[in-house]
Amino acid sequence: MVDPNGHLWIAKYPSVRDEFDVGAWQMGVYTLAKACGPCVPDALGYSEGVISFV
């Protein structure tokens, strides 16, 4: 994925085989990791029915 500023991002999209909202869990774990202080890159979460983690 390329943002409006031309920066590359890695995107994780939901699978049709996911039995729960995996992206929402990934975003939750990311948020906890960021709060704990380690060097964690920026991330985005957006929803179109389920959470996609970028």
PDB file of N, CA and C in Angstrom:
ATOM      1  N   MET A   1       0.833  -1.145   0.000  1.00  0.00           N
ATOM      2  CA  MET A   1       0.000   0.000   0.000  1.00  0.00           C
ATOM      3  C   MET A   1       0.896   1.231   0.000  1.00  0.00           C
ATOM      4  N   VAL A   2       0.485   2.283  -0.667  1.00  0.00           N
ATOM      5  CA  VAL A   2       1.232   3.542  -0.685  1.00  0.00           C
ATOM      6  C   VAL A   2       0.306   4.633  -0.149  1.00  0.00           C
ATOM      7  N   ASP A   3       0.778   5.382   0.862  1.00  0.00           N
ATOM      8  CA  ASP A   3      -0.049   6.452   1.417  1.00  0.00           C
ATOM      9  C   ASP A   3       0.038   7.697   0.539  1.00  0.00           C
ATOM     10  N   PRO A   4      -0.752   8.725   0.840  1.00  0.00           N
ATOM     11  CA  PRO A   4      -0.747   9.931   0.007  1.00  0.00           C
ATOM     12  C   PRO A   4       0.609  10.637  -0.077  1.00  0.00           C
ATOM     13  N   ASN A   5       1.504  10.361   0.880  1.00  0.00           N
ATOM     14  CA  ASN A   5       2.838  10.961   0.875  1.00  0.00           C
ATOM     15  C   ASN A   5       3.869  10.092   0.166  1.00  0.00           C
ATOM     16  N   GLY A   6       3.438   8.974  -0.411  1.00  0.00           N
ATOM     17  CA  GLY A   6       4.341   8.091  -1.138  1.00  0.00           C
ATOM     18  C   GLY A   6       5.075   7.077  -0.272  1.00  0.00           C
ATOM     19  N   HIS A   7       4.709   6.973   1.035  1.00  0.00           N
ATOM     20  CA  HIS A   7       5.345   6.001   1.925  1.00  0.00           C
ATOM     21  C   HIS A   7       4.696   4.631   1.761  1.00  0.00           C
ATOM     22  N   LEU A   8       5.524   3.602   1.789  1.00  0.00           N
ATOM     23  CA  LEU A   8       5.014   2.233   1.668  1.00  0.00           C
ATOM     24  C   LEU A   8       4.551   1.713   3.021  1.00  0.00           C
ATOM     25  N   TRP A   9       3.455   0.973   3.018  1.00  0.00           N
ATOM     26  CA  TRP A   9       2.912   0.331   4.218  1.00  0.00           C
ATOM     27  C   TRP A   9       2.650  -1.139   3.890  1.00  0.00           C
ATOM     28  N   ILE A  10       2.758  -1.980   4.908  1.00  0.00           N
ATOM     29  CA  ILE A  10       2.375  -3.381   4.766  1.00  0.00           C
ATOM     30  C   ILE A  10       0.930  -3.492   5.239  1.00  0.00           C
ATOM     31  N   ALA A  11       0.076  -4.064   4.423  1.00  0.00           N
ATOM     32  CA  ALA A  11      -1.340  -4.187   4.775  1.00  0.00           C
ATOM     33  C   ALA A  11      -1.691  -5.647   5.048  1.00  0.00           C
ATOM     34  N   LYS A  12      -2.497  -5.869   6.062  1.00  0.00           N
ATOM     35  CA  LYS A  12      -3.008  -7.199   6.384  1.00  0.00           C
ATOM     36  C   LYS A  12      -4.517  -7.140   6.269  1.00  0.00           C
ATOM     37  N   TYR A  13      -5.050  -7.882   5.342  1.00  0.00           N
ATOM     38  CA  TYR A  13      -6.488  -7.885   5.101  1.00  0.00           C
ATOM     39  C   TYR A  13      -7.102  -9.157   5.652  1.00  0.00           C
ATOM     40  N   PRO A  14      -8.378  -9.122   5.993  1.00  0.00           N
ATOM     41  CA  PRO A  14      -9.022 -10.320   6.530  1.00  0.00           C
ATOM     42  C   PRO A  14      -9.127 -11.434   5.493  1.00  0.00           C
ATOM     43  N   SER A  15      -9.131 -12.651   5.997  1.00  0.00           N
ATOM     44  CA  SER A  15      -9.315 -13.826   5.164  1.00  0.00           C
ATOM     45  C   SER A  15     -10.777 -14.273   5.240  1.00  0.00           C
ATOM     46  N   VAL A  16     -11.264 -14.850   4.190  1.00  0.00           N
ATOM     47  CA  VAL A  16     -12.634 -15.381   4.222  1.00  0.00           C
ATOM     48  C   VAL A  16     -12.741 -16.548   5.205  1.00  0.00           C
ATOM     49  N   ARG A  17     -11.600 -17.122   5.592  1.00  0.00           N
ATOM     50  CA  ARG A  17     -11.583 -18.244   6.535  1.00  0.00           C
ATOM     51  C   ARG A  17     -11.455 -17.802   7.993  1.00  0.00           C
ATOM     52  N   ASP A  18     -11.271 -16.493   8.246  1.00  0.00           N
ATOM     53  CA  ASP A  18     -11.183 -16.015   9.627  1.00  0.00           C
ATOM     54  C   ASP A  18     -12.497 -16.276  10.344  1.00  0.00           C
ATOM     55  N   GLU A  19     -12.405 -16.865  11.530  1.00  0.00           N
ATOM     56  CA  GLU A  19     -13.596 -17.150  12.318  1.00  0.00           C
ATOM     57  C   GLU A  19     -13.924 -16.022  13.290  1.00  0.00           C
ATOM     58  N   PHE A  20     -13.019 -15.055  13.429  1.00  0.00           N
ATOM     59  CA  PHE A  20     -13.226 -13.881  14.278  1.00  0.00           C
ATOM     60  C   PHE A  20     -12.449 -12.729  13.649  1.00  0.00           C
ATOM     61  N   ASP A  21     -12.608 -11.550  14.169  1.00  0.00           N
ATOM     62  CA  ASP A  21     -11.989 -10.359  13.590  1.00  0.00           C
ATOM     63  C   ASP A  21     -10.504 -10.303  13.972  1.00  0.00           C
ATOM     64  N   VAL A  22      -9.671 -10.989  13.203  1.00  0.00           N
ATOM     65  CA  VAL A  22      -8.236 -11.088  13.467  1.00  0.00           C
ATOM     66  C   VAL A  22      -7.585  -9.703  13.460  1.00  0.00           C
ATOM     67  N   GLY A  23      -7.978  -8.852  12.529  1.00  0.00           N
ATOM     68  CA  GLY A  23      -7.404  -7.510  12.453  1.00  0.00           C
ATOM     69  C   GLY A  23      -7.651  -6.696  13.712  1.00  0.00           C
ATOM     70  N   ALA A  24      -8.826  -6.846  14.305  1.00  0.00           N
ATOM     71  CA  ALA A  24      -9.131  -6.131  15.547  1.00  0.00           C
ATOM     72  C   ALA A  24      -8.203  -6.596  16.670  1.00  0.00           C
ATOM     73  N   TRP A  25      -7.948  -7.901  16.746  1.00  0.00           N
ATOM     74  CA  TRP A  25      -7.016  -8.421  17.749  1.00  0.00           C
ATOM     75  C   TRP A  25      -5.599  -7.938  17.480  1.00  0.00           C
ATOM     76  N   GLN A  26      -5.180  -7.930  16.227  1.00  0.00           N
ATOM     77  CA  GLN A  26      -3.838  -7.451  15.894  1.00  0.00           C
ATOM     78  C   GLN A  26      -3.687  -5.981  16.274  1.00  0.00           C
ATOM     79  N   MET A  27      -4.712  -5.186  16.015  1.00  0.00           N
ATOM     80  CA  MET A  27      -4.660  -3.771  16.375  1.00  0.00           C
ATOM     81  C   MET A  27      -4.618  -3.612  17.895  1.00  0.00           C
ATOM     82  N   GLY A  28      -5.361  -4.444  18.617  1.00  0.00           N
ATOM     83  CA  GLY A  28      -5.338  -4.404  20.084  1.00  0.00           C
ATOM     84  C   GLY A  28      -3.968  -4.745  20.646  1.00  0.00           C
ATOM     85  N   VAL A  29      -3.348  -5.785  20.127  1.00  0.00           N
ATOM     86  CA  VAL A  29      -2.012  -6.189  20.579  1.00  0.00           C
ATOM     87  C   VAL A  29      -0.993  -5.102  20.226  1.00  0.00           C
ATOM     88  N   TYR A  30      -1.114  -4.526  19.049  1.00  0.00           N
ATOM     89  CA  TYR A  30      -0.235  -3.425  18.645  1.00  0.00           C
ATOM     90  C   TYR A  30      -0.372  -2.258  19.621  1.00  0.00           C
ATOM     91  N   THR A  31      -1.600  -1.889  19.958  1.00  0.00           N
ATOM     92  CA  THR A  31      -1.835  -0.772  20.872  1.00  0.00           C
ATOM     93  C   THR A  31      -1.208  -1.034  22.235  1.00  0.00           C
ATOM     94  N   LEU A  32      -1.342  -2.260  22.738  1.00  0.00           N
ATOM     95  CA  LEU A  32      -0.713  -2.620  24.011  1.00  0.00           C
ATOM     96  C   LEU A  32       0.810  -2.551  23.919  1.00  0.00           C
ATOM     97  N   ALA A  33       1.375  -3.073  22.835  1.00  0.00           N
ATOM     98  CA  ALA A  33       2.836  -3.040  22.661  1.00  0.00           C
ATOM     99  C   ALA A  33       3.337  -1.605  22.611  1.00  0.00           C
ATOM    100  N   LYS A  34       2.649  -0.753  21.888  1.00  0.00           N
ATOM    101  CA  LYS A  34       3.046   0.655  21.766  1.00  0.00           C
ATOM    102  C   LYS A  34       3.006   1.337  23.139  1.00  0.00           C
ATOM    103  N   ALA A  35       2.003   1.004  23.951  1.00  0.00           N
ATOM    104  CA  ALA A  35       1.865   1.598  25.283  1.00  0.00           C
ATOM    105  C   ALA A  35       2.966   1.139  26.239  1.00  0.00           C
ATOM    106  N   CYS A  36       3.545  -0.025  25.978  1.00  0.00           N
ATOM    107  CA  CYS A  36       4.594  -0.558  26.851  1.00  0.00           C
ATOM    108  C   CYS A  36       5.959   0.069  26.599  1.00  0.00           C
ATOM    109  N   GLY A  37       6.093   0.788  25.517  1.00  0.00           N
ATOM    110  CA  GLY A  37       7.317   1.538  25.299  1.00  0.00           C
ATOM    111  C   GLY A  37       8.315   1.017  24.288  1.00  0.00           C
ATOM    112  N   PRO A  38       8.198  -0.213  23.775  1.00  0.00           N
ATOM    113  CA  PRO A  38       9.204  -0.611  22.789  1.00  0.00           C
ATOM    114  C   PRO A  38       9.048   0.191  21.497  1.00  0.00           C
ATOM    115  N   CYS A  39      10.082   0.176  20.708  1.00  0.00           N
ATOM    116  CA  CYS A  39      10.055   0.879  19.429  1.00  0.00           C
ATOM    117  C   CYS A  39       9.155   0.099  18.470  1.00  0.00           C
ATOM    118  N   VAL A  40       7.965   0.621  18.263  1.00  0.00           N
ATOM    119  CA  VAL A  40       6.971  -0.029  17.412  1.00  0.00           C
ATOM    120  C   VAL A  40       6.642   0.927  16.273  1.00  0.00           C
ATOM    121  N   PRO A  41       6.666   0.465  15.031  1.00  0.00           N
ATOM    122  CA  PRO A  41       6.363   1.361  13.911  1.00  0.00           C
ATOM    123  C   PRO A  41       4.907   1.829  13.939  1.00  0.00           C
ATOM    124  N   ASP A  42       4.637   2.885  13.215  1.00  0.00           N
ATOM    125  CA  ASP A  42       3.269   3.386  13.119  1.00  0.00           C
ATOM    126  C   ASP A  42       2.367   2.345  12.469  1.00  0.00           C
ATOM    127  N   ALA A  43       1.098   2.395  12.829  1.00  0.00           N
ATOM    128  CA  ALA A  43       0.120   1.471  12.250  1.00  0.00           C
ATOM    129  C   ALA A  43      -1.221   2.176  12.155  1.00  0.00           C
ATOM    130  N   LEU A  44      -2.062   1.664  11.296  1.00  0.00           N
ATOM    131  CA  LEU A  44      -3.419   2.162  11.121  1.00  0.00           C
ATOM    132  C   LEU A  44      -4.371   0.990  11.220  1.00  0.00           C
ATOM    133  N   GLY A  45      -5.533   1.240  11.714  1.00  0.00           N
ATOM    134  CA  GLY A  45      -6.597   0.248  11.679  1.00  0.00           C
ATOM    135  C   GLY A  45      -7.818   0.918  11.091  1.00  0.00           C
ATOM    136  N   TYR A  46      -8.468   0.274  10.189  1.00  0.00           N
ATOM    137  CA  TYR A  46      -9.688   0.842   9.634  1.00  0.00           C
ATOM    138  C   TYR A  46     -10.711  -0.262   9.450  1.00  0.00           C
ATOM    139  N   SER A  47     -11.965   0.131   9.430  1.00  0.00           N
ATOM    140  CA  SER A  47     -13.031  -0.857   9.410  1.00  0.00           C
ATOM    141  C   SER A  47     -13.952  -0.685   8.219  1.00  0.00           C
ATOM    142  N   GLU A  48     -14.190  -1.775   7.554  1.00  0.00           N
ATOM    143  CA  GLU A  48     -15.239  -1.874   6.531  1.00  0.00           C
ATOM    144  C   GLU A  48     -15.996  -3.162   6.828  1.00  0.00           C
ATOM    145  N   GLY A  49     -16.591  -3.217   8.004  1.00  0.00           N
ATOM    146  CA  GLY A  49     -17.259  -4.420   8.476  1.00  0.00           C
ATOM    147  C   GLY A  49     -16.376  -5.224   9.416  1.00  0.00           C
ATOM    148  N   VAL A  50     -15.102  -5.320   9.075  1.00  0.00           N
ATOM    149  CA  VAL A  50     -14.082  -5.932   9.943  1.00  0.00           C
ATOM    150  C   VAL A  50     -12.883  -5.000   9.942  1.00  0.00           C
ATOM    151  N   ILE A  51     -11.987  -5.195  10.893  1.00  0.00           N
ATOM    152  CA  ILE A  51     -10.805  -4.336  11.000  1.00  0.00           C
ATOM    153  C   ILE A  51      -9.716  -4.849  10.068  1.00  0.00           C
ATOM    154  N   SER A  52      -9.143  -3.954   9.299  1.00  0.00           N
ATOM    155  CA  SER A  52      -7.932  -4.255   8.537  1.00  0.00           C
ATOM    156  C   SER A  52      -6.797  -3.535   9.216  1.00  0.00           C
ATOM    157  N   PHE A  53      -5.675  -4.193   9.332  1.00  0.00           N
ATOM    158  CA  PHE A  53      -4.515  -3.683  10.067  1.00  0.00           C
ATOM    159  C   PHE A  53      -3.438  -3.314   9.065  1.00  0.00           C
ATOM    160  N   VAL A  54      -3.008  -2.043   9.089  1.00  0.00           N
ATOM    161  CA  VAL A  54      -1.984  -1.553   8.162  1.00  0.00           C
ATOM    162  C   VAL A  54      -0.838  -1.003   8.967  1.00  0.00           C
TER     163      VAL A  54
END
